[in-house]
Amino acid sequence: MPMLEVFYSGNRPPDRAQKQTFATEASAVFQRVIGTPPGRLQLMIQIVSHENTLAVIDLDRSDGDTMADPDRQ
């Protein structure tokens, strides 16, 4: 049974209608591309807080360190 795991981070978590729309579209893609029968796709949406995303990585640091660590000099 195929499984699709989605990680989402944004200002607001997606509402029920957005999740349903995504699930419908994902199911259609899986059915079309790999022949997954309707209702067989397992879908899991994980909400990730902003501080646990690339948004906290400082890509402009000149010392080559890409992790934003305020305690490190």
PDB file of N, CA and C in Angstrom:
ATOM      1  N   MET A   1       0.846  -1.169   0.000  1.00  0.00           N
ATOM      2  CA  MET A   1       0.000   0.000   0.000  1.00  0.00           C
ATOM      3  C   MET A   1       0.897   1.239   0.000  1.00  0.00           C
ATOM      4  N   PRO A   2       0.804   2.101  -1.005  1.00  0.00           N
ATOM      5  CA  PRO A   2       1.654   3.292  -1.065  1.00  0.00           C
ATOM      6  C   PRO A   2       1.309   4.283   0.042  1.00  0.00           C
ATOM      7  N   MET A   3       2.338   4.992   0.478  1.00  0.00           N
ATOM      8  CA  MET A   3       2.148   6.008   1.513  1.00  0.00           C
ATOM      9  C   MET A   3       2.833   7.285   1.073  1.00  0.00           C
ATOM     10  N   LEU A   4       2.148   8.400   1.279  1.00  0.00           N
ATOM     11  CA  LEU A   4       2.694   9.718   0.978  1.00  0.00           C
ATOM     12  C   LEU A   4       2.710  10.498   2.273  1.00  0.00           C
ATOM     13  N   GLU A   5       3.896  10.940   2.661  1.00  0.00           N
ATOM     14  CA  GLU A   5       4.035  11.744   3.871  1.00  0.00           C
ATOM     15  C   GLU A   5       4.377  13.170   3.451  1.00  0.00           C
ATOM     16  N   VAL A   6       3.609  14.134   3.930  1.00  0.00           N
ATOM     17  CA  VAL A   6       3.761  15.532   3.558  1.00  0.00           C
ATOM     18  C   VAL A   6       4.143  16.319   4.801  1.00  0.00           C
ATOM     19  N   PHE A   7       5.181  17.115   4.690  1.00  0.00           N
ATOM     20  CA  PHE A   7       5.580  18.007   5.771  1.00  0.00           C
ATOM     21  C   PHE A   7       5.200  19.421   5.367  1.00  0.00           C
ATOM     22  N   TYR A   8       4.463  20.102   6.229  1.00  0.00           N
ATOM     23  CA  TYR A   8       3.945  21.429   5.915  1.00  0.00           C
ATOM     24  C   TYR A   8       4.383  22.427   6.975  1.00  0.00           C
ATOM     25  N   SER A   9       4.843  23.574   6.538  1.00  0.00           N
ATOM     26  CA  SER A   9       5.158  24.673   7.443  1.00  0.00           C
ATOM     27  C   SER A   9       4.678  25.956   6.789  1.00  0.00           C
ATOM     28  N   GLY A  10       3.941  26.732   7.518  1.00  0.00           N
ATOM     29  CA  GLY A  10       3.423  27.982   6.994  1.00  0.00           C
ATOM     30  C   GLY A  10       2.915  28.843   8.137  1.00  0.00           C
ATOM     31  N   ASN A  11       2.350  29.960   7.774  1.00  0.00           N
ATOM     32  CA  ASN A  11       1.824  30.854   8.802  1.00  0.00           C
ATOM     33  C   ASN A  11       0.657  30.233   9.552  1.00  0.00           C
ATOM     34  N   ARG A  12      -0.151  29.450   8.840  1.00  0.00           N
ATOM     35  CA  ARG A  12      -1.293  28.764   9.438  1.00  0.00           C
ATOM     36  C   ARG A  12      -1.346  27.344   8.910  1.00  0.00           C
ATOM     37  N   PRO A  13      -1.725  26.403   9.758  1.00  0.00           N
ATOM     38  CA  PRO A  13      -1.884  25.035   9.252  1.00  0.00           C
ATOM     39  C   PRO A  13      -2.998  24.996   8.202  1.00  0.00           C
ATOM     40  N   PRO A  14      -2.918  24.071   7.263  1.00  0.00           N
ATOM     41  CA  PRO A  14      -3.980  23.961   6.263  1.00  0.00           C
ATOM     42  C   PRO A  14      -5.290  23.559   6.945  1.00  0.00           C
ATOM     43  N   ASP A  15      -6.396  24.092   6.437  1.00  0.00           N
ATOM     44  CA  ASP A  15      -7.692  23.720   7.007  1.00  0.00           C
ATOM     45  C   ASP A  15      -8.161  22.400   6.398  1.00  0.00           C
ATOM     46  N   ARG A  16      -9.282  21.913   6.876  1.00  0.00           N
ATOM     47  CA  ARG A  16      -9.796  20.614   6.439  1.00  0.00           C
ATOM     48  C   ARG A  16     -10.043  20.575   4.928  1.00  0.00           C
ATOM     49  N   ALA A  17     -10.601  21.646   4.383  1.00  0.00           N
ATOM     50  CA  ALA A  17     -10.874  21.682   2.942  1.00  0.00           C
ATOM     51  C   ALA A  17      -9.579  21.606   2.134  1.00  0.00           C
ATOM     52  N   GLN A  18      -8.537  22.296   2.578  1.00  0.00           N
ATOM     53  CA  GLN A  18      -7.251  22.241   1.868  1.00  0.00           C
ATOM     54  C   GLN A  18      -6.656  20.838   1.932  1.00  0.00           C
ATOM     55  N   LYS A  19      -6.761  20.204   3.089  1.00  0.00           N
ATOM     56  CA  LYS A  19      -6.254  18.835   3.227  1.00  0.00           C
ATOM     57  C   LYS A  19      -7.029  17.883   2.325  1.00  0.00           C
ATOM     58  N   GLN A  20      -8.351  18.041   2.263  1.00  0.00           N
ATOM     59  CA  GLN A  20      -9.167  17.176   1.415  1.00  0.00           C
ATOM     60  C   GLN A  20      -8.823  17.372  -0.058  1.00  0.00           C
ATOM     61  N   THR A  21      -8.632  18.626  -0.461  1.00  0.00           N
ATOM     62  CA  THR A  21      -8.263  18.910  -1.849  1.00  0.00           C
ATOM     63  C   THR A  21      -6.920  18.277  -2.183  1.00  0.00           C
ATOM     64  N   PHE A  22      -5.942  18.434  -1.288  1.00  0.00           N
ATOM     65  CA  PHE A  22      -4.626  17.835  -1.510  1.00  0.00           C
ATOM     66  C   PHE A  22      -4.742  16.317  -1.603  1.00  0.00           C
ATOM     67  N   ALA A  23      -5.498  15.711  -0.691  1.00  0.00           N
ATOM     68  CA  ALA A  23      -5.646  14.256  -0.680  1.00  0.00           C
ATOM     69  C   ALA A  23      -6.287  13.758  -1.980  1.00  0.00           C
ATOM     70  N   THR A  24      -7.292  14.469  -2.461  1.00  0.00           N
ATOM     71  CA  THR A  24      -7.964  14.092  -3.705  1.00  0.00           C
ATOM     72  C   THR A  24      -6.991  14.142  -4.883  1.00  0.00           C
ATOM     73  N   GLU A  25      -6.227  15.227  -4.962  1.00  0.00           N
ATOM     74  CA  GLU A  25      -5.268  15.380  -6.060  1.00  0.00           C
ATOM     75  C   GLU A  25      -4.140  14.349  -5.957  1.00  0.00           C
ATOM     76  N   ALA A  26      -3.636  14.126  -4.750  1.00  0.00           N
ATOM     77  CA  ALA A  26      -2.562  13.140  -4.561  1.00  0.00           C
ATOM     78  C   ALA A  26      -3.038  11.743  -4.959  1.00  0.00           C
ATOM     79  N   SER A  27      -4.256  11.397  -4.553  1.00  0.00           N
ATOM     80  CA  SER A  27      -4.807  10.085  -4.911  1.00  0.00           C
ATOM     81  C   SER A  27      -4.921   9.928  -6.417  1.00  0.00           C
ATOM     82  N   ALA A  28      -5.356  10.998  -7.092  1.00  0.00           N
ATOM     83  CA  ALA A  28      -5.483  10.945  -8.556  1.00  0.00           C
ATOM     84  C   ALA A  28      -4.126  10.753  -9.220  1.00  0.00           C
ATOM     85  N   VAL A  29      -3.113  11.443  -8.711  1.00  0.00           N
ATOM     86  CA  VAL A  29      -1.766  11.300  -9.274  1.00  0.00           C
ATOM     87  C   VAL A  29      -1.250   9.878  -9.069  1.00  0.00           C
ATOM     88  N   PHE A  30      -1.381   9.348  -7.861  1.00  0.00           N
ATOM     89  CA  PHE A  30      -0.908   7.989  -7.591  1.00  0.00           C
ATOM     90  C   PHE A  30      -1.661   6.972  -8.442  1.00  0.00           C
ATOM     91  N   GLN A  31      -2.952   7.203  -8.629  1.00  0.00           N
ATOM     92  CA  GLN A  31      -3.724   6.278  -9.454  1.00  0.00           C
ATOM     93  C   GLN A  31      -3.260   6.338 -10.904  1.00  0.00           C
ATOM     94  N   ARG A  32      -3.043   7.535 -11.407  1.00  0.00           N
ATOM     95  CA  ARG A  32      -2.641   7.717 -12.804  1.00  0.00           C
ATOM     96  C   ARG A  32      -1.215   7.224 -13.056  1.00  0.00           C
ATOM     97  N   VAL A  33      -0.293   7.522 -12.143  1.00  0.00           N
ATOM     98  CA  VAL A  33       1.124   7.234 -12.394  1.00  0.00           C
ATOM     99  C   VAL A  33       1.502   5.789 -12.072  1.00  0.00           C
ATOM    100  N   ILE A  34       1.062   5.276 -10.922  1.00  0.00           N
ATOM    101  CA  ILE A  34       1.481   3.908 -10.560  1.00  0.00           C
ATOM    102  C   ILE A  34       0.323   2.926 -10.391  1.00  0.00           C
ATOM    103  N   GLY A  35      -0.888   3.392 -10.736  1.00  0.00           N
ATOM    104  CA  GLY A  35      -2.026   2.470 -10.727  1.00  0.00           C
ATOM    105  C   GLY A  35      -2.574   2.141  -9.355  1.00  0.00           C
ATOM    106  N   THR A  36      -2.371   3.004  -8.373  1.00  0.00           N
ATOM    107  CA  THR A  36      -2.898   2.762  -7.029  1.00  0.00           C
ATOM    108  C   THR A  36      -4.434   2.815  -7.076  1.00  0.00           C
ATOM    109  N   PRO A  37      -5.096   1.766  -6.631  1.00  0.00           N
ATOM    110  CA  PRO A  37      -6.567   1.791  -6.642  1.00  0.00           C
ATOM    111  C   PRO A  37      -7.103   2.891  -5.725  1.00  0.00           C
ATOM    112  N   PRO A  38      -8.242   3.472  -6.060  1.00  0.00           N
ATOM    113  CA  PRO A  38      -8.839   4.506  -5.197  1.00  0.00           C
ATOM    114  C   PRO A  38      -9.015   3.982  -3.767  1.00  0.00           C
ATOM    115  N   GLY A  39      -8.685   4.835  -2.810  1.00  0.00           N
ATOM    116  CA  GLY A  39      -8.829   4.464  -1.403  1.00  0.00           C
ATOM    117  C   GLY A  39      -7.656   3.704  -0.815  1.00  0.00           C
ATOM    118  N   ARG A  40      -6.645   3.404  -1.617  1.00  0.00           N
ATOM    119  CA  ARG A  40      -5.515   2.613  -1.116  1.00  0.00           C
ATOM    120  C   ARG A  40      -4.320   3.464  -0.690  1.00  0.00           C
ATOM    121  N   LEU A  41      -4.257   4.702  -1.121  1.00  0.00           N
ATOM    122  CA  LEU A  41      -3.142   5.578  -0.758  1.00  0.00           C
ATOM    123  C   LEU A  41      -3.258   5.982   0.703  1.00  0.00           C
ATOM    124  N   GLN A  42      -2.195   5.799   1.444  1.00  0.00           N
ATOM    125  CA  GLN A  42      -2.125   6.274   2.815  1.00  0.00           C
ATOM    126  C   GLN A  42      -1.465   7.644   2.786  1.00  0.00           C
ATOM    127  N   LEU A  43      -2.108   8.638   3.374  1.00  0.00           N
ATOM    128  CA  LEU A  43      -1.615  10.007   3.358  1.00  0.00           C
ATOM    129  C   LEU A  43      -1.470  10.500   4.784  1.00  0.00           C
ATOM    130  N   MET A  44      -0.317  11.081   5.077  1.00  0.00           N
ATOM    131  CA  MET A  44      -0.065  11.627   6.401  1.00  0.00           C
ATOM    132  C   MET A  44       0.475  13.036   6.233  1.00  0.00           C
ATOM    133  N   ILE A  45      -0.172  14.002   6.868  1.00  0.00           N
ATOM    134  CA  ILE A  45       0.267  15.393   6.801  1.00  0.00           C
ATOM    135  C   ILE A  45       0.825  15.774   8.165  1.00  0.00           C
ATOM    136  N   GLN A  46       2.095  16.145   8.185  1.00  0.00           N
ATOM    137  CA  GLN A  46       2.761  16.559   9.417  1.00  0.00           C
ATOM    138  C   GLN A  46       2.937  18.070   9.392  1.00  0.00           C
ATOM    139  N   ILE A  47       2.514  18.745  10.446  1.00  0.00           N
ATOM    140  CA  ILE A  47       2.701  20.185  10.559  1.00  0.00           C
ATOM    141  C   ILE A  47       4.030  20.409  11.281  1.00  0.00           C
ATOM    142  N   VAL A  48       4.913  21.155  10.650  1.00  0.00           N
ATOM    143  CA  VAL A  48       6.247  21.415  11.189  1.00  0.00           C
ATOM    144  C   VAL A  48       6.318  22.888  11.580  1.00  0.00           C
ATOM    145  N   SER A  49       6.752  23.154  12.795  1.00  0.00           N
ATOM    146  CA  SER A  49       6.850  24.546  13.233  1.00  0.00           C
ATOM    147  C   SER A  49       7.934  25.276  12.443  1.00  0.00           C
ATOM    148  N   HIS A  50       7.738  26.569  12.309  1.00  0.00           N
ATOM    149  CA  HIS A  50       8.643  27.419  11.527  1.00  0.00           C
ATOM    150  C   HIS A  50      10.100  27.261  11.967  1.00  0.00           C
ATOM    151  N   GLU A  51      10.345  27.156  13.268  1.00  0.00           N
ATOM    152  CA  GLU A  51      11.726  27.079  13.746  1.00  0.00           C
ATOM    153  C   GLU A  51      12.401  25.745  13.435  1.00  0.00           C
ATOM    154  N   ASN A  52      11.657  24.787  12.918  1.00  0.00           N
ATOM    155  CA  ASN A  52      12.227  23.499  12.537  1.00  0.00           C
ATOM    156  C   ASN A  52      12.330  23.338  11.024  1.00  0.00           C
ATOM    157  N   THR A  53      12.478  24.456  10.326  1.00  0.00           N
ATOM    158  CA  THR A  53      12.585  24.432   8.864  1.00  0.00           C
ATOM    159  C   THR A  53      13.851  25.156   8.425  1.00  0.00           C
ATOM    160  N   LEU A  54      14.071  25.220   7.126  1.00  0.00           N
ATOM    161  CA  LEU A  54      15.225  25.935   6.587  1.00  0.00           C
ATOM    162  C   LEU A  54      15.191  27.425   6.903  1.00  0.00           C
ATOM    163  N   ALA A  55      14.052  27.922   7.337  1.00  0.00           N
ATOM    164  CA  ALA A  55      13.938  29.348   7.660  1.00  0.00           C
ATOM    165  C   ALA A  55      14.916  29.771   8.747  1.00  0.00           C
ATOM    166  N   VAL A  56      15.386  28.843   9.569  1.00  0.00           N
ATOM    167  CA  VAL A  56      16.311  29.194  10.646  1.00  0.00           C
ATOM    168  C   VAL A  56      17.770  29.028  10.243  1.00  0.00           C
ATOM    169  N   ILE A  57      18.002  28.576   9.043  1.00  0.00           N
ATOM    170  CA  ILE A  57      19.383  28.402   8.594  1.00  0.00           C
ATOM    171  C   ILE A  57      19.863  29.688   7.945  1.00  0.00           C
ATOM    172  N   ASP A  58      20.990  30.168   8.411  1.00  0.00           N
ATOM    173  CA  ASP A  58      21.574  31.397   7.888  1.00  0.00           C
ATOM    174  C   ASP A  58      22.510  31.018   6.747  1.00  0.00           C
ATOM    175  N   LEU A  59      22.049  31.175   5.522  1.00  0.00           N
ATOM    176  CA  LEU A  59      22.854  30.785   4.364  1.00  0.00           C
ATOM    177  C   LEU A  59      23.889  31.837   3.979  1.00  0.00           C
ATOM    178  N   ASP A  60      23.872  32.991   4.648  1.00  0.00           N
ATOM    179  CA  ASP A  60      24.788  34.079   4.308  1.00  0.00           C
ATOM    180  C   ASP A  60      25.981  34.181   5.256  1.00  0.00           C
ATOM    181  N   ARG A  61      26.168  33.220   6.150  1.00  0.00           N
ATOM    182  CA  ARG A  61      27.296  33.294   7.092  1.00  0.00           C
ATOM    183  C   ARG A  61      28.607  33.179   6.335  1.00  0.00           C
ATOM    184  N   SER A  62      29.533  34.031   6.648  1.00  0.00           N
ATOM    185  CA  SER A  62      30.797  34.068   5.916  1.00  0.00           C
ATOM    186  C   SER A  62      31.790  33.001   6.366  1.00  0.00           C
ATOM    187  N   ASP A  63      31.567  32.406   7.555  1.00  0.00           N
ATOM    188  CA  ASP A  63      32.536  31.429   8.068  1.00  0.00           C
ATOM    189  C   ASP A  63      32.284  30.018   7.545  1.00  0.00           C
ATOM    190  N   GLY A  64      31.292  29.854   6.660  1.00  0.00           N
ATOM    191  CA  GLY A  64      31.026  28.548   6.085  1.00  0.00           C
ATOM    192  C   GLY A  64      30.088  27.697   6.905  1.00  0.00           C
ATOM    193  N   ASP A  65      29.771  28.117   8.125  1.00  0.00           N
ATOM    194  CA  ASP A  65      28.840  27.382   8.965  1.00  0.00           C
ATOM    195  C   ASP A  65      27.431  27.764   8.547  1.00  0.00           C
ATOM    196  N   THR A  66      26.616  26.778   8.154  1.00  0.00           N
ATOM    197  CA  THR A  66      25.282  27.088   7.661  1.00  0.00           C
ATOM    198  C   THR A  66      24.213  27.025   8.743  1.00  0.00           C
ATOM    199  N   MET A  67      24.547  26.567   9.931  1.00  0.00           N
ATOM    200  CA  MET A  67      23.549  26.495  10.989  1.00  0.00           C
ATOM    201  C   MET A  67      23.549  27.774  11.803  1.00  0.00           C
ATOM    202  N   ALA A  68      22.386  28.361  11.956  1.00  0.00           N
ATOM    203  CA  ALA A  68      22.259  29.573  12.760  1.00  0.00           C
ATOM    204  C   ALA A  68      22.312  29.184  14.230  1.00  0.00           C
ATOM    205  N   ASP A  69      23.396  29.500  14.901  1.00  0.00           N
ATOM    206  CA  ASP A  69      23.582  29.195  16.304  1.00  0.00           C
ATOM    207  C   ASP A  69      24.016  30.465  17.020  1.00  0.00           C
ATOM    208  N   PRO A  70      23.101  31.120  17.753  1.00  0.00           N
ATOM    209  CA  PRO A  70      23.429  32.394  18.362  1.00  0.00           C
ATOM    210  C   PRO A  70      24.496  32.290  19.452  1.00  0.00           C
ATOM    211  N   ASP A  71      24.722  31.084  19.999  1.00  0.00           N
ATOM    212  CA  ASP A  71      25.722  30.919  21.059  1.00  0.00           C
ATOM    213  C   ASP A  71      27.129  30.670  20.514  1.00  0.00           C
ATOM    214  N   ARG A  72      27.220  30.411  19.231  1.00  0.00           N
ATOM    215  CA  ARG A  72      28.510  30.096  18.635  1.00  0.00           C
ATOM    216  C   ARG A  72      29.117  31.338  18.009  1.00  0.00           C
ATOM    217  N   GLN A  73      30.342  31.611  18.255  1.00  0.00           N
ATOM    218  CA  GLN A  73      31.029  32.787  17.694  1.00  0.00           C
ATOM    219  C   GLN A  73      31.970  32.376  16.594  1.00  0.00           C
TER     220      GLN A  73
END
